[in-house]
PDB file of all heavy atoms in Angstrom:
ATOM      1  N   GLY A   1     -19.701 -60.770  24.105  1.00  0.00           N
ATOM      2  CA  GLY A   1     -19.798 -62.048  23.512  1.00  0.00           C
ATOM      3  C   GLY A   1     -18.443 -62.676  23.136  1.00  0.00           C
ATOM      4  O   GLY A   1     -17.388 -62.120  23.424  1.00  0.00           O
ATOM      5  N   SER A   2     -18.541 -63.827  22.507  1.00  0.00           N
ATOM      6  CA  SER A   2     -17.314 -64.587  22.154  1.00  0.00           C
ATOM      7  C   SER A   2     -17.365 -65.035  20.686  1.00  0.00           C
ATOM      8  O   SER A   2     -18.420 -65.224  20.147  1.00  0.00           O
ATOM      9  CB  SER A   2     -17.173 -65.814  23.035  1.00  0.00           C
ATOM     10  OG  SER A   2     -17.062 -65.473  24.405  1.00  0.00           O
ATOM     11  N   LEU A   3     -16.143 -65.198  20.113  1.00  0.00           N
ATOM     12  CA  LEU A   3     -16.002 -65.766  18.812  1.00  0.00           C
ATOM     13  C   LEU A   3     -14.682 -66.538  18.763  1.00  0.00           C
ATOM     14  O   LEU A   3     -13.768 -66.244  19.514  1.00  0.00           O
ATOM     15  CB  LEU A   3     -15.882 -64.670  17.731  1.00  0.00           C
ATOM     16  CG  LEU A   3     -17.171 -64.052  17.172  1.00  0.00           C
ATOM     17  CD1 LEU A   3     -16.758 -62.914  16.212  1.00  0.00           C
ATOM     18  CD2 LEU A   3     -18.025 -65.089  16.471  1.00  0.00           C
ATOM     19  N   ARG A   4     -14.623 -67.538  17.912  1.00  0.00           N
ATOM     20  CA  ARG A   4     -13.370 -68.238  17.712  1.00  0.00           C
ATOM     21  C   ARG A   4     -13.001 -68.209  16.250  1.00  0.00           C
ATOM     22  O   ARG A   4     -13.791 -68.631  15.376  1.00  0.00           O
ATOM     23  CB  ARG A   4     -13.475 -69.677  18.166  1.00  0.00           C
ATOM     24  CG  ARG A   4     -12.125 -70.396  18.151  1.00  0.00           C
ATOM     25  CD  ARG A   4     -12.189 -71.825  18.632  1.00  0.00           C
ATOM     26  NE  ARG A   4     -12.788 -72.743  17.669  1.00  0.00           N
ATOM     27  CZ  ARG A   4     -12.665 -74.067  17.706  1.00  0.00           C
ATOM     28  NH1 ARG A   4     -12.019 -74.625  18.725  1.00  0.00           N
ATOM     29  NH2 ARG A   4     -13.215 -74.832  16.788  1.00  0.00           N
ATOM     30  N   LEU A   5     -11.821 -67.690  15.965  1.00  0.00           N
ATOM     31  CA  LEU A   5     -11.320 -67.663  14.588  1.00  0.00           C
ATOM     32  C   LEU A   5     -10.405 -68.886  14.397  1.00  0.00           C
ATOM     33  O   LEU A   5      -9.693 -69.315  15.318  1.00  0.00           O
ATOM     34  CB  LEU A   5     -10.470 -66.387  14.365  1.00  0.00           C
ATOM     35  CG  LEU A   5     -11.182 -65.062  14.649  1.00  0.00           C
ATOM     36  CD1 LEU A   5     -10.232 -63.907  14.308  1.00  0.00           C
ATOM     37  CD2 LEU A   5     -12.507 -64.953  13.918  1.00  0.00           C
ATOM     38  N   SER A   6     -10.421 -69.382  13.147  1.00  0.00           N
ATOM     39  CA  SER A   6      -9.565 -70.502  12.797  1.00  0.00           C
ATOM     40  C   SER A   6      -8.705 -70.177  11.583  1.00  0.00           C
ATOM     41  O   SER A   6      -9.126 -69.393  10.713  1.00  0.00           O
ATOM     42  CB  SER A   6     -10.408 -71.736  12.436  1.00  0.00           C
ATOM     43  OG  SER A   6     -11.249 -72.132  13.545  1.00  0.00           O
ATOM     44  N   CYS A   7      -7.536 -70.739  11.545  1.00  0.00           N
ATOM     45  CA  CYS A   7      -6.643 -70.531  10.408  1.00  0.00           C
ATOM     46  C   CYS A   7      -5.965 -71.872  10.094  1.00  0.00           C
ATOM     47  O   CYS A   7      -5.304 -72.464  10.926  1.00  0.00           O
ATOM     48  CB  CYS A   7      -5.571 -69.494  10.784  1.00  0.00           C
ATOM     49  SG  CYS A   7      -4.248 -69.287   9.574  1.00  0.00           S
ATOM     50  N   ALA A   8      -6.130 -72.300   8.836  1.00  0.00           N
ATOM     51  CA  ALA A   8      -5.574 -73.570   8.383  1.00  0.00           C
ATOM     52  C   ALA A   8      -4.563 -73.327   7.282  1.00  0.00           C
ATOM     53  O   ALA A   8      -4.853 -72.901   6.208  1.00  0.00           O
ATOM     54  CB  ALA A   8      -6.666 -74.474   7.886  1.00  0.00           C
ATOM     55  N   PRO A   9      -3.283 -73.595   7.611  1.00  0.00           N
ATOM     56  CA  PRO A   9      -2.210 -73.510   6.555  1.00  0.00           C
ATOM     57  C   PRO A   9      -2.361 -74.641   5.544  1.00  0.00           C
ATOM     58  O   PRO A   9      -2.931 -75.679   5.823  1.00  0.00           O
ATOM     59  CB  PRO A   9      -0.926 -73.650   7.337  1.00  0.00           C
ATOM     60  CG  PRO A   9      -1.275 -73.439   8.756  1.00  0.00           C
ATOM     61  CD  PRO A   9      -2.673 -73.908   8.906  1.00  0.00           C
ATOM     62  N   SER A  10      -1.780 -74.390   4.362  1.00  0.00           N
ATOM     63  CA  SER A  10      -1.875 -75.362   3.263  1.00  0.00           C
ATOM     64  C   SER A  10      -0.992 -76.563   3.466  1.00  0.00           C
ATOM     65  O   SER A  10      -1.109 -77.563   2.761  1.00  0.00           O
ATOM     66  CB  SER A  10      -1.555 -74.713   1.934  1.00  0.00           C
ATOM     67  OG  SER A  10      -0.299 -74.104   1.970  1.00  0.00           O
ATOM     68  N   ARG A  11      -0.053 -76.441   4.411  1.00  0.00           N
ATOM     69  CA  ARG A  11       0.800 -77.590   4.776  1.00  0.00           C
ATOM     70  C   ARG A  11       1.226 -77.463   6.228  1.00  0.00           C
ATOM     71  O   ARG A  11       0.974 -76.412   6.882  1.00  0.00           O
ATOM     72  CB  ARG A  11       2.019 -77.669   3.873  1.00  0.00           C
ATOM     73  CG  ARG A  11       2.859 -76.379   3.804  1.00  0.00           C
ATOM     74  CD  ARG A  11       3.931 -76.493   2.755  1.00  0.00           C
ATOM     75  NE  ARG A  11       4.719 -75.264   2.583  1.00  0.00           N
ATOM     76  CZ  ARG A  11       5.751 -74.936   3.294  1.00  0.00           C
ATOM     77  NH1 ARG A  11       6.224 -75.752   4.147  1.00  0.00           N
ATOM     78  NH2 ARG A  11       6.422 -73.783   3.052  1.00  0.00           N
ATOM     79  N   SER A  12       1.835 -78.503   6.760  1.00  0.00           N
ATOM     80  CA  SER A  12       2.227 -78.494   8.173  1.00  0.00           C
ATOM     81  C   SER A  12       3.440 -77.616   8.382  1.00  0.00           C
ATOM     82  O   SER A  12       4.522 -77.884   7.862  1.00  0.00           O
ATOM     83  CB  SER A  12       2.504 -79.935   8.633  1.00  0.00           C
ATOM     84  OG  SER A  12       2.858 -79.987   9.929  1.00  0.00           O
ATOM     85  N   ILE A  13       3.277 -76.554   9.182  1.00  0.00           N
ATOM     86  CA  ILE A  13       4.366 -75.562   9.333  1.00  0.00           C
ATOM     87  C   ILE A  13       4.604 -75.176  10.801  1.00  0.00           C
ATOM     88  O   ILE A  13       5.507 -74.382  11.084  1.00  0.00           O
ATOM     89  CB  ILE A  13       4.131 -74.310   8.556  1.00  0.00           C
ATOM     90  CG1 ILE A  13       2.805 -73.624   8.992  1.00  0.00           C
ATOM     91  CG2 ILE A  13       4.084 -74.585   7.059  1.00  0.00           C
ATOM     92  CD1 ILE A  13       2.554 -72.292   8.364  1.00  0.00           C
ATOM     93  N   PHE A  14       3.788 -75.685  11.736  1.00  0.00           N
ATOM     94  CA  PHE A  14       3.872 -75.174  13.118  1.00  0.00           C
ATOM     95  C   PHE A  14       5.229 -75.423  13.789  1.00  0.00           C
ATOM     96  O   PHE A  14       5.576 -74.712  14.713  1.00  0.00           O
ATOM     97  CB  PHE A  14       2.744 -75.823  13.942  1.00  0.00           C
ATOM     98  CG  PHE A  14       1.382 -75.428  13.502  1.00  0.00           C
ATOM     99  CD1 PHE A  14       0.292 -76.191  13.865  1.00  0.00           C
ATOM    100  CD2 PHE A  14       1.155 -74.273  12.760  1.00  0.00           C
ATOM    101  CE1 PHE A  14      -1.011 -75.826  13.484  1.00  0.00           C
ATOM    102  CE2 PHE A  14      -0.139 -73.913  12.371  1.00  0.00           C
ATOM    103  CZ  PHE A  14      -1.201 -74.696  12.720  1.00  0.00           C
ATOM    104  N   SER A  15       5.970 -76.385  13.346  1.00  0.00           N
ATOM    105  CA  SER A  15       7.250 -76.717  13.964  1.00  0.00           C
ATOM    106  C   SER A  15       8.321 -75.695  13.587  1.00  0.00           C
ATOM    107  O   SER A  15       9.382 -75.692  14.194  1.00  0.00           O
ATOM    108  CB  SER A  15       7.688 -78.112  13.570  1.00  0.00           C
ATOM    109  OG  SER A  15       7.896 -78.221  12.162  1.00  0.00           O
ATOM    110  N   SER A  16       8.072 -74.866  12.576  1.00  0.00           N
ATOM    111  CA  SER A  16       9.104 -73.956  12.128  1.00  0.00           C
ATOM    112  C   SER A  16       8.686 -72.526  11.899  1.00  0.00           C
ATOM    113  O   SER A  16       9.506 -71.620  11.701  1.00  0.00           O
ATOM    114  CB  SER A  16       9.761 -74.504  10.861  1.00  0.00           C
ATOM    115  OG  SER A  16       8.785 -74.683   9.843  1.00  0.00           O
ATOM    116  N   TYR A  17       7.361 -72.271  11.948  1.00  0.00           N
ATOM    117  CA  TYR A  17       6.830 -70.938  11.683  1.00  0.00           C
ATOM    118  C   TYR A  17       6.238 -70.364  12.968  1.00  0.00           C
ATOM    119  O   TYR A  17       5.572 -71.069  13.756  1.00  0.00           O
ATOM    120  CB  TYR A  17       5.728 -70.951  10.633  1.00  0.00           C
ATOM    121  CG  TYR A  17       6.217 -70.988   9.203  1.00  0.00           C
ATOM    122  CD1 TYR A  17       6.844 -72.151   8.712  1.00  0.00           C
ATOM    123  CD2 TYR A  17       6.052 -69.888   8.352  1.00  0.00           C
ATOM    124  CE1 TYR A  17       7.270 -72.212   7.412  1.00  0.00           C
ATOM    125  CE2 TYR A  17       6.522 -69.968   7.033  1.00  0.00           C
ATOM    126  CZ  TYR A  17       7.096 -71.092   6.557  1.00  0.00           C
ATOM    127  OH  TYR A  17       7.536 -71.153   5.254  1.00  0.00           O
ATOM    128  N   ILE A  18       6.410 -69.064  13.153  1.00  0.00           N
ATOM    129  CA  ILE A  18       5.626 -68.332  14.151  1.00  0.00           C
ATOM    130  C   ILE A  18       4.298 -68.039  13.521  1.00  0.00           C
ATOM    131  O   ILE A  18       4.193 -67.454  12.423  1.00  0.00           O
ATOM    132  CB  ILE A  18       6.322 -66.999  14.554  1.00  0.00           C
ATOM    133  CG1 ILE A  18       7.669 -67.295  15.270  1.00  0.00           C
ATOM    134  CG2 ILE A  18       5.422 -66.205  15.494  1.00  0.00           C
ATOM    135  CD1 ILE A  18       8.479 -66.088  15.533  1.00  0.00           C
ATOM    136  N   MET A  19       3.200 -68.402  14.182  1.00  0.00           N
ATOM    137  CA  MET A  19       1.860 -68.127  13.756  1.00  0.00           C
ATOM    138  C   MET A  19       1.300 -66.985  14.565  1.00  0.00           C
ATOM    139  O   MET A  19       1.508 -66.888  15.762  1.00  0.00           O
ATOM    140  CB  MET A  19       0.946 -69.374  13.892  1.00  0.00           C
ATOM    141  CG  MET A  19       1.456 -70.630  13.154  1.00  0.00           C
ATOM    142  SD  MET A  19       1.523 -70.370  11.402  1.00  0.00           S
ATOM    143  CE  MET A  19      -0.167 -69.991  11.010  1.00  0.00           C
ATOM    144  N   ALA A  20       0.575 -66.116  13.858  1.00  0.00           N
ATOM    145  CA  ALA A  20       0.101 -64.919  14.539  1.00  0.00           C
ATOM    146  C   ALA A  20      -1.275 -64.504  13.991  1.00  0.00           C
ATOM    147  O   ALA A  20      -1.638 -64.852  12.875  1.00  0.00           O
ATOM    148  CB  ALA A  20       1.045 -63.774  14.402  1.00  0.00           C
ATOM    149  N   TRP A  21      -1.976 -63.762  14.811  1.00  0.00           N
ATOM    150  CA  TRP A  21      -3.194 -63.065  14.395  1.00  0.00           C
ATOM    151  C   TRP A  21      -2.946 -61.587  14.448  1.00  0.00           C
ATOM    152  O   TRP A  21      -2.473 -61.062  15.465  1.00  0.00           O
ATOM    153  CB  TRP A  21      -4.364 -63.442  15.279  1.00  0.00           C
ATOM    154  CG  TRP A  21      -4.887 -64.826  15.046  1.00  0.00           C
ATOM    155  CD1 TRP A  21      -4.559 -65.933  15.748  1.00  0.00           C
ATOM    156  CD2 TRP A  21      -5.807 -65.226  14.026  1.00  0.00           C
ATOM    157  NE1 TRP A  21      -5.235 -67.024  15.245  1.00  0.00           N
ATOM    158  CE2 TRP A  21      -5.994 -66.629  14.181  1.00  0.00           C
ATOM    159  CE3 TRP A  21      -6.489 -64.576  12.999  1.00  0.00           C
ATOM    160  CZ2 TRP A  21      -6.870 -67.358  13.315  1.00  0.00           C
ATOM    161  CZ3 TRP A  21      -7.340 -65.284  12.191  1.00  0.00           C
ATOM    162  CH2 TRP A  21      -7.502 -66.674  12.320  1.00  0.00           C
ATOM    163  N   TYR A  22      -3.257 -60.911  13.387  1.00  0.00           N
ATOM    164  CA  TYR A  22      -3.202 -59.427  13.333  1.00  0.00           C
ATOM    165  C   TYR A  22      -4.652 -58.911  13.096  1.00  0.00           C
ATOM    166  O   TYR A  22      -5.497 -59.647  12.661  1.00  0.00           O
ATOM    167  CB  TYR A  22      -2.314 -58.946  12.145  1.00  0.00           C
ATOM    168  CG  TYR A  22      -0.856 -59.086  12.381  1.00  0.00           C
ATOM    169  CD1 TYR A  22      -0.230 -60.354  12.362  1.00  0.00           C
ATOM    170  CD2 TYR A  22      -0.052 -57.970  12.569  1.00  0.00           C
ATOM    171  CE1 TYR A  22       1.148 -60.468  12.559  1.00  0.00           C
ATOM    172  CE2 TYR A  22       1.306 -58.095  12.742  1.00  0.00           C
ATOM    173  CZ  TYR A  22       1.911 -59.335  12.727  1.00  0.00           C
ATOM    174  OH  TYR A  22       3.260 -59.439  12.898  1.00  0.00           O
ATOM    175  N   ARG A  23      -4.802 -57.624  13.348  1.00  0.00           N
ATOM    176  CA  ARG A  23      -6.074 -57.012  12.994  1.00  0.00           C
ATOM    177  C   ARG A  23      -5.840 -55.587  12.480  1.00  0.00           C
ATOM    178  O   ARG A  23      -4.856 -54.954  12.776  1.00  0.00           O
ATOM    179  CB  ARG A  23      -7.013 -56.992  14.199  1.00  0.00           C
ATOM    180  CG  ARG A  23      -6.619 -56.059  15.326  1.00  0.00           C
ATOM    181  CD  ARG A  23      -7.551 -56.236  16.502  1.00  0.00           C
ATOM    182  NE  ARG A  23      -7.189 -55.352  17.625  1.00  0.00           N
ATOM    183  CZ  ARG A  23      -7.717 -55.393  18.815  1.00  0.00           C
ATOM    184  NH1 ARG A  23      -8.680 -56.277  19.097  1.00  0.00           N
ATOM    185  NH2 ARG A  23      -7.341 -54.497  19.782  1.00  0.00           N
ATOM    186  N   GLN A  24      -6.827 -55.143  11.700  1.00  0.00           N
ATOM    187  CA  GLN A  24      -6.728 -53.783  11.145  1.00  0.00           C
ATOM    188  C   GLN A  24      -8.134 -53.199  11.138  1.00  0.00           C
ATOM    189  O   GLN A  24      -9.049 -53.730  10.468  1.00  0.00           O
ATOM    190  CB  GLN A  24      -6.157 -53.772   9.738  1.00  0.00           C
ATOM    191  CG  GLN A  24      -5.932 -52.387   9.223  1.00  0.00           C
ATOM    192  CD  GLN A  24      -5.039 -52.371   8.022  1.00  0.00           C
ATOM    193  OE1 GLN A  24      -4.865 -53.386   7.306  1.00  0.00           O
ATOM    194  NE2 GLN A  24      -4.428 -51.237   7.684  1.00  0.00           N
ATOM    195  N   ALA A  25      -8.296 -52.126  11.885  1.00  0.00           N
ATOM    196  CA  ALA A  25      -9.557 -51.404  11.954  1.00  0.00           C
ATOM    197  C   ALA A  25      -9.511 -50.273  10.932  1.00  0.00           C
ATOM    198  O   ALA A  25      -8.445 -49.850  10.517  1.00  0.00           O
ATOM    199  CB  ALA A  25      -9.743 -50.863  13.334  1.00  0.00           C
ATOM    200  N   PRO A  26     -10.710 -49.817  10.461  1.00  0.00           N
ATOM    201  CA  PRO A  26     -10.703 -48.701   9.451  1.00  0.00           C
ATOM    202  C   PRO A  26      -9.896 -47.536   9.912  1.00  0.00           C
ATOM    203  O   PRO A  26     -10.095 -47.053  11.067  1.00  0.00           O
ATOM    204  CB  PRO A  26     -12.188 -48.459   9.376  1.00  0.00           C
ATOM    205  CG  PRO A  26     -12.864 -49.688   9.732  1.00  0.00           C
ATOM    206  CD  PRO A  26     -12.014 -50.274  10.803  1.00  0.00           C
ATOM    207  N   GLY A  27      -9.019 -47.040   9.062  1.00  0.00           N
ATOM    208  CA  GLY A  27      -8.260 -45.853   9.395  1.00  0.00           C
ATOM    209  C   GLY A  27      -7.102 -46.068  10.362  1.00  0.00           C
ATOM    210  O   GLY A  27      -6.448 -45.109  10.724  1.00  0.00           O
ATOM    211  N   LYS A  28      -6.866 -47.334  10.718  1.00  0.00           N
ATOM    212  CA  LYS A  28      -5.782 -47.628  11.670  1.00  0.00           C
ATOM    213  C   LYS A  28      -4.782 -48.563  11.053  1.00  0.00           C
ATOM    214  O   LYS A  28      -5.047 -49.241  10.102  1.00  0.00           O
ATOM    215  CB  LYS A  28      -6.364 -48.203  12.961  1.00  0.00           C
ATOM    216  CG  LYS A  28      -7.221 -47.252  13.750  1.00  0.00           C
ATOM    217  CD  LYS A  28      -7.598 -47.839  15.090  1.00  0.00           C
ATOM    218  CE  LYS A  28      -8.407 -46.867  15.896  1.00  0.00           C
ATOM    219  NZ  LYS A  28      -8.748 -47.412  17.257  1.00  0.00           N
ATOM    220  N   GLN A  29      -3.605 -48.600  11.686  1.00  0.00           N
ATOM    221  CA  GLN A  29      -2.552 -49.513  11.201  1.00  0.00           C
ATOM    222  C   GLN A  29      -2.853 -50.906  11.662  1.00  0.00           C
ATOM    223  O   GLN A  29      -3.488 -51.128  12.690  1.00  0.00           O
ATOM    224  CB  GLN A  29      -1.179 -49.066  11.721  1.00  0.00           C
ATOM    225  CG  GLN A  29      -0.648 -47.781  11.075  1.00  0.00           C
ATOM    226  CD  GLN A  29       0.799 -47.511  11.430  1.00  0.00           C
ATOM    227  OE1 GLN A  29       1.268 -47.911  12.521  1.00  0.00           O
ATOM    228  NE2 GLN A  29       1.521 -46.804  10.609  1.00  0.00           N
ATOM    229  N   ARG A  30      -2.302 -51.870  10.867  1.00  0.00           N
ATOM    230  CA  ARG A  30      -2.446 -53.273  11.291  1.00  0.00           C
ATOM    231  C   ARG A  30      -1.587 -53.522  12.548  1.00  0.00           C
ATOM    232  O   ARG A  30      -0.435 -53.024  12.596  1.00  0.00           O
ATOM    233  CB  ARG A  30      -2.004 -54.159  10.145  1.00  0.00           C
ATOM    234  CG  ARG A  30      -2.333 -55.610  10.308  1.00  0.00           C
ATOM    235  CD  ARG A  30      -1.995 -56.446   9.057  1.00  0.00           C
ATOM    236  NE  ARG A  30      -2.824 -56.054   7.984  1.00  0.00           N
ATOM    237  CZ  ARG A  30      -2.870 -56.714   6.827  1.00  0.00           C
ATOM    238  NH1 ARG A  30      -2.157 -57.826   6.652  1.00  0.00           N
ATOM    239  NH2 ARG A  30      -3.634 -56.331   5.821  1.00  0.00           N
ATOM    240  N   GLU A  31      -2.171 -54.219  13.458  1.00  0.00           N
ATOM    241  CA  GLU A  31      -1.425 -54.514  14.695  1.00  0.00           C
ATOM    242  C   GLU A  31      -1.484 -56.031  15.035  1.00  0.00           C
ATOM    243  O   GLU A  31      -2.466 -56.663  14.728  1.00  0.00           O
ATOM    244  CB  GLU A  31      -2.026 -53.716  15.871  1.00  0.00           C
ATOM    245  CG  GLU A  31      -3.474 -54.009  16.160  1.00  0.00           C
ATOM    246  CD  GLU A  31      -4.022 -53.142  17.322  1.00  0.00           C
ATOM    247  OE1 GLU A  31      -3.268 -52.318  17.911  1.00  0.00           O
ATOM    248  OE2 GLU A  31      -5.180 -53.301  17.614  1.00  0.00           O
ATOM    249  N   MET A  32      -0.447 -56.487  15.693  1.00  0.00           N
ATOM    250  CA  MET A  32      -0.401 -57.883  16.054  1.00  0.00           C
ATOM    251  C   MET A  32      -1.241 -58.089  17.356  1.00  0.00           C
ATOM    252  O   MET A  32      -1.045 -57.368  18.314  1.00  0.00           O
ATOM    253  CB  MET A  32       1.030 -58.365  16.348  1.00  0.00           C
ATOM    254  CG  MET A  32       1.067 -59.873  16.438  1.00  0.00           C
ATOM    255  SD  MET A  32       2.646 -60.467  17.096  1.00  0.00           S
ATOM    256  CE  MET A  32       2.443 -60.134  18.824  1.00  0.00           C
ATOM    257  N   VAL A  33      -2.128 -59.023  17.297  1.00  0.00           N
ATOM    258  CA  VAL A  33      -3.000 -59.296  18.418  1.00  0.00           C
ATOM    259  C   VAL A  33      -2.392 -60.399  19.318  1.00  0.00           C
ATOM    260  O   VAL A  33      -2.378 -60.292  20.568  1.00  0.00           O
ATOM    261  CB  VAL A  33      -4.386 -59.779  17.933  1.00  0.00           C
ATOM    262  CG1 VAL A  33      -5.268 -60.172  19.080  1.00  0.00           C
ATOM    263  CG2 VAL A  33      -5.044 -58.668  17.107  1.00  0.00           C
ATOM    264  N   ALA A  34      -1.889 -61.467  18.710  1.00  0.00           N
ATOM    265  CA  ALA A  34      -1.297 -62.568  19.423  1.00  0.00           C
ATOM    266  C   ALA A  34      -0.439 -63.401  18.486  1.00  0.00           C
ATOM    267  O   ALA A  34      -0.703 -63.440  17.294  1.00  0.00           O
ATOM    268  CB  ALA A  34      -2.382 -63.454  20.037  1.00  0.00           C
ATOM    269  N   ASN A  35       0.567 -64.029  19.087  1.00  0.00           N
ATOM    270  CA  ASN A  35       1.370 -64.988  18.333  1.00  0.00           C
ATOM    271  C   ASN A  35       1.721 -66.190  19.168  1.00  0.00           C
ATOM    272  O   ASN A  35       1.623 -66.177  20.366  1.00  0.00           O
ATOM    273  CB  ASN A  35       2.554 -64.375  17.618  1.00  0.00           C
ATOM    274  CG  ASN A  35       3.651 -63.957  18.545  1.00  0.00           C
ATOM    275  OD1 ASN A  35       3.719 -64.400  19.750  1.00  0.00           O
ATOM    276  ND2 ASN A  35       4.552 -63.156  18.112  1.00  0.00           N
ATOM    277  N   ILE A  36       2.139 -67.267  18.464  1.00  0.00           N
ATOM    278  CA  ILE A  36       2.533 -68.501  19.141  1.00  0.00           C
ATOM    279  C   ILE A  36       3.766 -69.015  18.356  1.00  0.00           C
ATOM    280  O   ILE A  36       3.754 -69.140  17.150  1.00  0.00           O
ATOM    281  CB  ILE A  36       1.413 -69.541  19.223  1.00  0.00           C
ATOM    282  CG1 ILE A  36       1.846 -70.782  19.944  1.00  0.00           C
ATOM    283  CG2 ILE A  36       0.865 -69.890  17.811  1.00  0.00           C
ATOM    284  CD1 ILE A  36       0.686 -71.687  20.360  1.00  0.00           C
ATOM    285  N   THR A  37       4.833 -69.274  19.125  1.00  0.00           N
ATOM    286  CA  THR A  37       6.099 -69.679  18.518  1.00  0.00           C
ATOM    287  C   THR A  37       6.099 -71.217  18.306  1.00  0.00           C
ATOM    288  O   THR A  37       5.240 -71.958  18.838  1.00  0.00           O
ATOM    289  CB  THR A  37       7.263 -69.307  19.365  1.00  0.00           C
ATOM    290  OG1 THR A  37       7.206 -70.089  20.587  1.00  0.00           O
ATOM    291  CG2 THR A  37       7.227 -67.804  19.717  1.00  0.00           C
ATOM    292  N   PRO A  38       7.080 -71.743  17.541  1.00  0.00           N
ATOM    293  CA  PRO A  38       7.155 -73.195  17.388  1.00  0.00           C
ATOM    294  C   PRO A  38       7.238 -73.950  18.723  1.00  0.00           C
ATOM    295  O   PRO A  38       6.758 -75.056  18.878  1.00  0.00           O
ATOM    296  CB  PRO A  38       8.419 -73.395  16.556  1.00  0.00           C
ATOM    297  CG  PRO A  38       8.455 -72.170  15.713  1.00  0.00           C
ATOM    298  CD  PRO A  38       7.995 -71.034  16.615  1.00  0.00           C
ATOM    299  N   SER A  39       7.861 -73.287  19.732  1.00  0.00           N
ATOM    300  CA  SER A  39       7.984 -73.951  21.039  1.00  0.00           C
ATOM    301  C   SER A  39       6.701 -73.851  21.890  1.00  0.00           C
ATOM    302  O   SER A  39       6.610 -74.473  22.953  1.00  0.00           O
ATOM    303  CB  SER A  39       9.125 -73.302  21.814  1.00  0.00           C
ATOM    304  OG  SER A  39       8.873 -71.950  22.107  1.00  0.00           O
ATOM    305  N   GLY A  40       5.737 -73.026  21.349  1.00  0.00           N
ATOM    306  CA  GLY A  40       4.479 -72.879  22.104  1.00  0.00           C
ATOM    307  C   GLY A  40       4.366 -71.675  22.951  1.00  0.00           C
ATOM    308  O   GLY A  40       3.345 -71.475  23.613  1.00  0.00           O
ATOM    309  N   ARG A  41       5.379 -70.848  22.968  1.00  0.00           N
ATOM    310  CA  ARG A  41       5.292 -69.602  23.734  1.00  0.00           C
ATOM    311  C   ARG A  41       4.320 -68.663  23.048  1.00  0.00           C
ATOM    312  O   ARG A  41       4.297 -68.564  21.809  1.00  0.00           O
ATOM    313  CB  ARG A  41       6.685 -68.948  23.826  1.00  0.00           C
ATOM    314  CG  ARG A  41       6.708 -67.730  24.746  1.00  0.00           C
ATOM    315  CD  ARG A  41       8.140 -67.224  24.816  1.00  0.00           C
ATOM    316  NE  ARG A  41       8.564 -66.633  23.560  1.00  0.00           N
ATOM    317  CZ  ARG A  41       9.825 -66.253  23.278  1.00  0.00           C
ATOM    318  NH1 ARG A  41      10.752 -66.421  24.224  1.00  0.00           N
ATOM    319  NH2 ARG A  41      10.138 -65.762  22.123  1.00  0.00           N
ATOM    320  N   THR A  42       3.551 -67.954  23.866  1.00  0.00           N
ATOM    321  CA  THR A  42       2.534 -67.037  23.332  1.00  0.00           C
ATOM    322  C   THR A  42       2.818 -65.598  23.788  1.00  0.00           C
ATOM    323  O   THR A  42       3.404 -65.345  24.807  1.00  0.00           O
ATOM    324  CB  THR A  42       1.127 -67.460  23.785  1.00  0.00           C
ATOM    325  OG1 THR A  42       1.064 -67.461  25.181  1.00  0.00           O
ATOM    326  CG2 THR A  42       0.760 -68.808  23.197  1.00  0.00           C
ATOM    327  N   ASN A  43       2.356 -64.659  22.946  1.00  0.00           N
ATOM    328  CA  ASN A  43       2.482 -63.267  23.245  1.00  0.00           C
ATOM    329  C   ASN A  43       1.192 -62.580  22.840  1.00  0.00           C
ATOM    330  O   ASN A  43       0.549 -62.955  21.829  1.00  0.00           O
ATOM    331  CB  ASN A  43       3.646 -62.630  22.442  1.00  0.00           C
ATOM    332  CG  ASN A  43       4.985 -63.202  22.848  1.00  0.00           C
ATOM    333  OD1 ASN A  43       5.543 -62.901  23.857  1.00  0.00           O
ATOM    334  ND2 ASN A  43       5.497 -64.094  21.983  1.00  0.00           N
ATOM    335  N   TYR A  44       0.835 -61.533  23.588  1.00  0.00           N
ATOM    336  CA  TYR A  44      -0.486 -60.854  23.332  1.00  0.00           C
ATOM    337  C   TYR A  44      -0.321 -59.337  23.399  1.00  0.00           C
ATOM    338  O   TYR A  44       0.472 -58.802  24.114  1.00  0.00           O
ATOM    339  CB  TYR A  44      -1.476 -61.265  24.391  1.00  0.00           C
ATOM    340  CG  TYR A  44      -1.882 -62.698  24.377  1.00  0.00           C
ATOM    341  CD1 TYR A  44      -1.207 -63.639  25.169  1.00  0.00           C
ATOM    342  CD2 TYR A  44      -2.896 -63.157  23.525  1.00  0.00           C
ATOM    343  CE1 TYR A  44      -1.569 -64.970  25.112  1.00  0.00           C
ATOM    344  CE2 TYR A  44      -3.258 -64.502  23.512  1.00  0.00           C
ATOM    345  CZ  TYR A  44      -2.558 -65.378  24.323  1.00  0.00           C
ATOM    346  OH  TYR A  44      -2.883 -66.757  24.241  1.00  0.00           O
ATOM    347  N   LEU A  45      -1.125 -58.688  22.577  1.00  0.00           N
ATOM    348  CA  LEU A  45      -1.340 -57.226  22.674  1.00  0.00           C
ATOM    349  C   LEU A  45      -1.915 -56.963  24.047  1.00  0.00           C
ATOM    350  O   LEU A  45      -2.798 -57.694  24.542  1.00  0.00           O
ATOM    351  CB  LEU A  45      -2.301 -56.836  21.571  1.00  0.00           C
ATOM    352  CG  LEU A  45      -2.618 -55.352  21.425  1.00  0.00           C
ATOM    353  CD1 LEU A  45      -1.418 -54.576  20.941  1.00  0.00           C
ATOM    354  CD2 LEU A  45      -3.805 -55.216  20.438  1.00  0.00           C
ATOM    355  N   ASP A  46      -1.430 -55.885  24.661  1.00  0.00           N
ATOM    356  CA  ASP A  46      -1.863 -55.613  26.077  1.00  0.00           C
ATOM    357  C   ASP A  46      -3.348 -55.508  26.224  1.00  0.00           C
ATOM    358  O   ASP A  46      -3.978 -55.985  27.141  1.00  0.00           O
ATOM    359  CB  ASP A  46      -1.229 -54.303  26.539  1.00  0.00           C
ATOM    360  CG  ASP A  46       0.236 -54.506  26.959  1.00  0.00           C
ATOM    361  OD1 ASP A  46       0.673 -55.635  27.110  1.00  0.00           O
ATOM    362  OD2 ASP A  46       0.905 -53.444  27.146  1.00  0.00           O
ATOM    363  N   SER A  47      -4.050 -54.921  25.185  1.00  0.00           N
ATOM    364  CA  SER A  47      -5.466 -54.649  25.293  1.00  0.00           C
ATOM    365  C   SER A  47      -6.313 -55.922  25.211  1.00  0.00           C
ATOM    366  O   SER A  47      -7.537 -55.875  25.499  1.00  0.00           O
ATOM    367  CB  SER A  47      -5.891 -53.669  24.260  1.00  0.00           C
ATOM    368  OG  SER A  47      -5.667 -54.153  22.943  1.00  0.00           O
TER     369      SER A  47
END
């Protein structure tokens, strides 16, 4: 199946902040899933 997560900052920051999604499963370390830079470049966890 599919899901869409949303994240709304309290102010406009996309022009200067790297935004990312992390996840943490029980008993595991938090890992970065994806990020997007101010220029729009994206990076993803291989899995």
